[in-house]
Amino acid sequence: MSRGLMDVKGLHPRTLARAGIQMKKADKDDPHKGKLLIPREEEQHIKYQRLLEHARREGRIDGPFSCSTCGSRYLSKDQADRCCHEL
């Protein structure tokens, strides 16, 4: 039985024993136990990729200048200074 299960206060010992049995059974019934799971490649989301590329072209990602407050990247120092200036 796990230590976390024993730390529960106010439960009857029989309840704790039943919970321990259920946990062991669930562990045995796990079809993935001991197997290497290889994640499948995720499908690309076209709109996300397009928006990401657009932001890169505008300099909002990987631009040479960054906002000192939030860290957003811009192509010019002036744009970076104006980013969080309104706040």
C-alpha atoms as a PDB file:
ATOM      1  CA  MET A   1       0.000   0.000   0.000  1.00  0.00           C
ATOM      2  CA  SER A   2       1.313   3.467  -0.798  1.00  0.00           C
ATOM      3  CA  ARG A   3       2.324   5.812   1.950  1.00  0.00           C
ATOM      4  CA  GLY A   4      -0.150   8.440   0.744  1.00  0.00           C
ATOM      5  CA  LEU A   5      -3.020   6.024   1.243  1.00  0.00           C
ATOM      6  CA  MET A   6      -1.957   5.288   4.823  1.00  0.00           C
ATOM      7  CA  ASP A   7      -1.762   9.002   5.632  1.00  0.00           C
ATOM      8  CA  VAL A   8      -5.515   9.446   5.156  1.00  0.00           C
ATOM      9  CA  LYS A   9      -7.000  10.027   8.567  1.00  0.00           C
ATOM     10  CA  GLY A  10     -10.408   8.876   9.663  1.00  0.00           C
ATOM     11  CA  LEU A  11     -10.776   5.956   7.273  1.00  0.00           C
ATOM     12  CA  HIS A  12     -11.568   2.520   8.568  1.00  0.00           C
ATOM     13  CA  PRO A  13      -8.701  -0.008   8.177  1.00  0.00           C
ATOM     14  CA  ARG A  14     -10.960  -2.216   6.058  1.00  0.00           C
ATOM     15  CA  THR A  15     -11.538   0.696   3.654  1.00  0.00           C
ATOM     16  CA  LEU A  16      -7.800   1.243   3.403  1.00  0.00           C
ATOM     17  CA  ALA A  17      -7.261  -2.473   2.735  1.00  0.00           C
ATOM     18  CA  ARG A  18      -9.891  -2.474  -0.030  1.00  0.00           C
ATOM     19  CA  ALA A  19      -8.343   0.595  -1.611  1.00  0.00           C
ATOM     20  CA  GLY A  20      -4.926  -1.086  -1.544  1.00  0.00           C
ATOM     21  CA  ILE A  21      -6.321  -4.167  -3.283  1.00  0.00           C
ATOM     22  CA  GLN A  22      -7.984  -2.032  -5.945  1.00  0.00           C
ATOM     23  CA  MET A  23      -4.731  -0.150  -6.553  1.00  0.00           C
ATOM     24  CA  LYS A  24      -2.770  -3.381  -6.961  1.00  0.00           C
ATOM     25  CA  LYS A  25      -5.414  -4.780  -9.332  1.00  0.00           C
ATOM     26  CA  ALA A  26      -5.391  -1.613 -11.414  1.00  0.00           C
ATOM     27  CA  ASP A  27      -1.603  -1.830 -11.610  1.00  0.00           C
ATOM     28  CA  LYS A  28      -1.813  -5.443 -12.869  1.00  0.00           C
ATOM     29  CA  ASP A  29      -4.520  -4.614 -15.408  1.00  0.00           C
ATOM     30  CA  ASP A  30      -2.494  -1.781 -16.972  1.00  0.00           C
ATOM     31  CA  PRO A  31      -1.926  -2.912 -20.584  1.00  0.00           C
ATOM     32  CA  HIS A  32       0.962  -0.474 -21.045  1.00  0.00           C
ATOM     33  CA  LYS A  33       2.947  -1.535 -17.991  1.00  0.00           C
ATOM     34  CA  GLY A  34       6.540  -2.333 -18.915  1.00  0.00           C
ATOM     35  CA  LYS A  35       6.071  -1.348 -22.553  1.00  0.00           C
ATOM     36  CA  LEU A  36       7.842   1.465 -24.331  1.00  0.00           C
ATOM     37  CA  LEU A  37       5.263   3.907 -25.617  1.00  0.00           C
ATOM     38  CA  ILE A  38       6.340   5.812 -28.710  1.00  0.00           C
ATOM     39  CA  PRO A  39       4.326   8.971 -29.255  1.00  0.00           C
ATOM     40  CA  ARG A  40       2.955   9.357 -32.741  1.00  0.00           C
ATOM     41  CA  GLU A  41       3.817  12.435 -34.709  1.00  0.00           C
ATOM     42  CA  GLU A  42       1.303  15.203 -34.225  1.00  0.00           C
ATOM     43  CA  GLU A  43      -0.465  16.574 -37.240  1.00  0.00           C
ATOM     44  CA  GLN A  44       0.551  20.093 -38.122  1.00  0.00           C
ATOM     45  CA  HIS A  45      -2.041  22.765 -37.691  1.00  0.00           C
ATOM     46  CA  ILE A  46      -1.836  24.880 -40.825  1.00  0.00           C
ATOM     47  CA  LYS A  47      -3.333  28.045 -39.340  1.00  0.00           C
ATOM     48  CA  TYR A  48      -0.974  27.921 -36.348  1.00  0.00           C
ATOM     49  CA  GLN A  49       2.044  27.429 -38.630  1.00  0.00           C
ATOM     50  CA  ARG A  50       0.906  30.315 -40.839  1.00  0.00           C
ATOM     51  CA  LEU A  51       0.433  32.648 -37.857  1.00  0.00           C
ATOM     52  CA  LEU A  52       3.795  31.615 -36.442  1.00  0.00           C
ATOM     53  CA  GLU A  53       5.559  32.330 -39.737  1.00  0.00           C
ATOM     54  CA  HIS A  54       3.782  35.702 -39.985  1.00  0.00           C
ATOM     55  CA  ALA A  55       4.941  36.636 -36.476  1.00  0.00           C
ATOM     56  CA  ARG A  56       8.517  35.669 -37.388  1.00  0.00           C
ATOM     57  CA  ARG A  57       8.405  37.853 -40.506  1.00  0.00           C
ATOM     58  CA  GLU A  58       7.110  40.788 -38.442  1.00  0.00           C
ATOM     59  CA  GLY A  59       9.874  40.252 -35.913  1.00  0.00           C
ATOM     60  CA  ARG A  60       7.612  39.413 -32.982  1.00  0.00           C
ATOM     61  CA  ILE A  61       9.493  36.135 -32.658  1.00  0.00           C
ATOM     62  CA  ASP A  62      13.287  36.097 -32.847  1.00  0.00           C
ATOM     63  CA  GLY A  63      13.533  39.835 -33.521  1.00  0.00           C
ATOM     64  CA  PRO A  64      16.779  41.550 -32.455  1.00  0.00           C
ATOM     65  CA  PHE A  65      15.122  43.908 -29.924  1.00  0.00           C
ATOM     66  CA  SER A  66      13.038  42.847 -26.925  1.00  0.00           C
ATOM     67  CA  CYS A  67      10.563  44.641 -24.671  1.00  0.00           C
ATOM     68  CA  SER A  68      12.101  45.162 -21.248  1.00  0.00           C
ATOM     69  CA  THR A  69       8.787  44.380 -19.518  1.00  0.00           C
ATOM     70  CA  CYS A  70       7.296  41.327 -21.238  1.00  0.00           C
ATOM     71  CA  GLY A  71      10.174  40.106 -23.413  1.00  0.00           C
ATOM     72  CA  SER A  72       8.339  40.204 -26.764  1.00  0.00           C
ATOM     73  CA  ARG A  73      10.779  40.489 -29.672  1.00  0.00           C
ATOM     74  CA  TYR A  74      10.636  43.257 -32.316  1.00  0.00           C
ATOM     75  CA  LEU A  75      12.529  44.345 -35.427  1.00  0.00           C
ATOM     76  CA  SER A  76      13.207  47.885 -34.173  1.00  0.00           C
ATOM     77  CA  LYS A  77      14.176  49.373 -30.820  1.00  0.00           C
ATOM     78  CA  ASP A  78      11.308  51.868 -31.114  1.00  0.00           C
ATOM     79  CA  GLN A  79       8.698  49.079 -31.416  1.00  0.00           C
ATOM     80  CA  ALA A  80      10.184  47.295 -28.409  1.00  0.00           C
ATOM     81  CA  ASP A  81      10.060  50.492 -26.327  1.00  0.00           C
ATOM     82  CA  ARG A  82       6.398  51.110 -27.233  1.00  0.00           C
ATOM     83  CA  CYS A  83       5.272  47.546 -26.464  1.00  0.00           C
ATOM     84  CA  CYS A  84       4.355  47.882 -22.775  1.00  0.00           C
ATOM     85  CA  HIS A  85       4.679  51.645 -22.559  1.00  0.00           C
ATOM     86  CA  GLU A  86       0.889  52.024 -22.483  1.00  0.00           C
ATOM     87  CA  LEU A  87       0.649  49.944 -19.313  1.00  0.00           C
END
